Amino acid sequence: MLIPHPLLGLRDAQEFSYLGDVSLLDRPDGMAENAADAFFPYVYLRDNPAGVHRELWFHEQGDRSWLVVTRNTVTHEILGAELARDVALRNRIPREGGEAA
């Protein structure tokens, strides 16, 4: 399986480590009042979808970048990949006063 690394081009999947669902980028605030309740589903509950899914992959044997890979879990077809940093920055929620969270 080849992963289209956004900076390095096509790379063999064996260079990467699969790390789970892209929702792991949305880590709960550990200092919030309900932190224990928020961390339970974050740590323990996972979906196991059949079909198109967005996943975190780490380029362990390369540039050590984190990628969000869109993959069909039934056919293993890779539909795209982007840097996880770009996805996280795009999804940041602005705080009061216009600052990003």
C-alpha atoms as a PDB file:
ATOM      1  CA  MET A   1       0.000   0.000   0.000  1.00  0.00           C
ATOM      2  CA  LEU A   2       1.396   3.401  -0.983  1.00  0.00           C
ATOM      3  CA  ILE A   3       0.661   6.574   0.988  1.00  0.00           C
ATOM      4  CA  PRO A   4       0.831   9.895  -0.906  1.00  0.00           C
ATOM      5  CA  HIS A   5       2.924  11.931   1.522  1.00  0.00           C
ATOM      6  CA  PRO A   6       2.148  15.631   0.890  1.00  0.00           C
ATOM      7  CA  LEU A   7       5.849  16.599   1.041  1.00  0.00           C
ATOM      8  CA  LEU A   8       7.717  13.467  -0.082  1.00  0.00           C
ATOM      9  CA  GLY A   9       5.400  11.868  -2.646  1.00  0.00           C
ATOM     10  CA  LEU A  10       4.391   8.204  -2.663  1.00  0.00           C
ATOM     11  CA  ARG A  11       5.827   6.250   0.264  1.00  0.00           C
ATOM     12  CA  ASP A  12       5.424   2.597   1.237  1.00  0.00           C
ATOM     13  CA  ALA A  13       3.024   2.095   4.156  1.00  0.00           C
ATOM     14  CA  GLN A  14       5.716   0.063   5.947  1.00  0.00           C
ATOM     15  CA  GLU A  15       7.514   3.349   6.669  1.00  0.00           C
ATOM     16  CA  PHE A  16       4.530   4.449   8.787  1.00  0.00           C
ATOM     17  CA  SER A  17       2.858   3.485  12.042  1.00  0.00           C
ATOM     18  CA  TYR A  18      -0.943   3.546  12.205  1.00  0.00           C
ATOM     19  CA  LEU A  19      -2.079   5.435  15.286  1.00  0.00           C
ATOM     20  CA  GLY A  20      -5.877   5.509  15.142  1.00  0.00           C
ATOM     21  CA  ASP A  21      -8.822   7.689  14.283  1.00  0.00           C
ATOM     22  CA  VAL A  22      -8.247  11.344  13.379  1.00  0.00           C
ATOM     23  CA  SER A  23     -10.547  12.342  16.251  1.00  0.00           C
ATOM     24  CA  LEU A  24      -7.513  11.862  18.522  1.00  0.00           C
ATOM     25  CA  LEU A  25      -6.414  15.323  17.357  1.00  0.00           C
ATOM     26  CA  ASP A  26      -9.315  16.744  19.410  1.00  0.00           C
ATOM     27  CA  ARG A  27      -7.831  16.008  22.837  1.00  0.00           C
ATOM     28  CA  PRO A  28     -10.010  17.127  25.766  1.00  0.00           C
ATOM     29  CA  ASP A  29      -8.798  19.876  28.092  1.00  0.00           C
ATOM     30  CA  GLY A  30      -7.160  18.115  31.025  1.00  0.00           C
ATOM     31  CA  MET A  31      -7.737  21.118  33.249  1.00  0.00           C
ATOM     32  CA  ALA A  32     -11.489  21.353  32.594  1.00  0.00           C
ATOM     33  CA  GLU A  33     -13.937  20.607  35.376  1.00  0.00           C
ATOM     34  CA  ASN A  34     -15.294  17.541  33.543  1.00  0.00           C
ATOM     35  CA  ALA A  35     -11.865  16.264  32.395  1.00  0.00           C
ATOM     36  CA  ALA A  36     -12.347  12.703  33.706  1.00  0.00           C
ATOM     37  CA  ASP A  37     -15.693  12.367  31.918  1.00  0.00           C
ATOM     38  CA  ALA A  38     -14.261  13.805  28.696  1.00  0.00           C
ATOM     39  CA  PHE A  39     -11.152  11.589  28.703  1.00  0.00           C
ATOM     40  CA  PHE A  40     -13.024   8.289  29.121  1.00  0.00           C
ATOM     41  CA  PRO A  41     -14.470   8.240  25.581  1.00  0.00           C
ATOM     42  CA  TYR A  42     -11.301   9.866  24.188  1.00  0.00           C
ATOM     43  CA  VAL A  43      -9.102   7.052  25.544  1.00  0.00           C
ATOM     44  CA  TYR A  44     -11.344   3.979  25.491  1.00  0.00           C
ATOM     45  CA  LEU A  45     -14.150   4.300  22.932  1.00  0.00           C
ATOM     46  CA  ARG A  46     -13.324   3.698  19.262  1.00  0.00           C
ATOM     47  CA  ASP A  47     -15.412   3.186  16.146  1.00  0.00           C
ATOM     48  CA  ASN A  48     -14.530   0.398  13.730  1.00  0.00           C
ATOM     49  CA  PRO A  49     -15.988   1.721  10.473  1.00  0.00           C
ATOM     50  CA  ALA A  50     -16.286  -0.140   7.207  1.00  0.00           C
ATOM     51  CA  GLY A  51     -15.693   2.286   4.354  1.00  0.00           C
ATOM     52  CA  VAL A  52     -14.072   5.694   4.060  1.00  0.00           C
ATOM     53  CA  HIS A  53     -12.282   6.672   7.253  1.00  0.00           C
ATOM     54  CA  ARG A  54      -9.768   9.352   8.301  1.00  0.00           C
ATOM     55  CA  GLU A  55      -6.786   8.028  10.259  1.00  0.00           C
ATOM     56  CA  LEU A  56      -3.570   9.235  11.888  1.00  0.00           C
ATOM     57  CA  TRP A  57      -0.340   7.798  10.520  1.00  0.00           C
ATOM     58  CA  PHE A  58       3.185   8.608  11.762  1.00  0.00           C
ATOM     59  CA  HIS A  59       6.070   8.586   9.256  1.00  0.00           C
ATOM     60  CA  GLU A  60       8.328   6.729  11.644  1.00  0.00           C
ATOM     61  CA  GLN A  61      10.965   5.659   9.110  1.00  0.00           C
ATOM     62  CA  GLY A  62      11.041   8.950   7.255  1.00  0.00           C
ATOM     63  CA  ASP A  63      10.644  12.600   8.159  1.00  0.00           C
ATOM     64  CA  ARG A  64       8.741  11.746  11.396  1.00  0.00           C
ATOM     65  CA  SER A  65       5.701  13.739  10.302  1.00  0.00           C
ATOM     66  CA  TRP A  66       2.103  13.024  11.307  1.00  0.00           C
ATOM     67  CA  LEU A  67      -0.394  12.557   8.486  1.00  0.00           C
ATOM     68  CA  VAL A  68      -4.162  12.381   8.254  1.00  0.00           C
ATOM     69  CA  VAL A  69      -4.788   9.636   5.707  1.00  0.00           C
ATOM     70  CA  THR A  70      -8.225   9.136   4.169  1.00  0.00           C
ATOM     71  CA  ARG A  71      -8.585   5.429   3.453  1.00  0.00           C
ATOM     72  CA  ASN A  72     -11.315   2.969   2.544  1.00  0.00           C
ATOM     73  CA  THR A  73     -11.050   0.343   5.296  1.00  0.00           C
ATOM     74  CA  VAL A  74     -12.782  -2.268   3.116  1.00  0.00           C
ATOM     75  CA  THR A  75     -10.613  -1.978   0.009  1.00  0.00           C
ATOM     76  CA  HIS A  76      -7.521  -0.327   1.624  1.00  0.00           C
ATOM     77  CA  GLU A  77      -7.600   2.268  -1.164  1.00  0.00           C
ATOM     78  CA  ILE A  78      -5.849   5.477  -0.089  1.00  0.00           C
ATOM     79  CA  LEU A  79      -7.963   8.465  -1.124  1.00  0.00           C
ATOM     80  CA  GLY A  80      -5.617  11.191   0.104  1.00  0.00           C
ATOM     81  CA  ALA A  81      -3.245  12.392   2.791  1.00  0.00           C
ATOM     82  CA  GLU A  82      -2.448  15.719   4.397  1.00  0.00           C
ATOM     83  CA  LEU A  83      -0.214  16.907   7.197  1.00  0.00           C
ATOM     84  CA  ALA A  84      -1.937  16.478  10.569  1.00  0.00           C
ATOM     85  CA  ARG A  85      -0.603  19.880  11.611  1.00  0.00           C
ATOM     86  CA  ASP A  86      -2.556  21.523   8.798  1.00  0.00           C
ATOM     87  CA  VAL A  87      -5.732  19.654   9.775  1.00  0.00           C
ATOM     88  CA  ALA A  88      -5.336  20.598  13.446  1.00  0.00           C
ATOM     89  CA  LEU A  89      -4.744  24.271  12.644  1.00  0.00           C
ATOM     90  CA  ARG A  90      -7.725  24.359  10.282  1.00  0.00           C
ATOM     91  CA  ASN A  91      -9.988  22.870  12.985  1.00  0.00           C
ATOM     92  CA  ARG A  92      -8.894  25.126  15.874  1.00  0.00           C
ATOM     93  CA  ILE A  93     -11.757  26.860  17.650  1.00  0.00           C
ATOM     94  CA  PRO A  94     -11.252  30.610  18.209  1.00  0.00           C
ATOM     95  CA  ARG A  95     -11.376  31.754  21.839  1.00  0.00           C
ATOM     96  CA  GLU A  96     -12.942  34.963  23.066  1.00  0.00           C
ATOM     97  CA  GLY A  97     -10.976  37.897  21.736  1.00  0.00           C
ATOM     98  CA  GLY A  98     -10.262  36.197  18.396  1.00  0.00           C
ATOM     99  CA  GLU A  99      -7.369  33.962  19.530  1.00  0.00           C
ATOM    100  CA  ALA A 100      -7.247  30.347  18.389  1.00  0.00           C
ATOM    101  CA  ALA A 101      -7.604  27.685  21.067  1.00  0.00           C
END
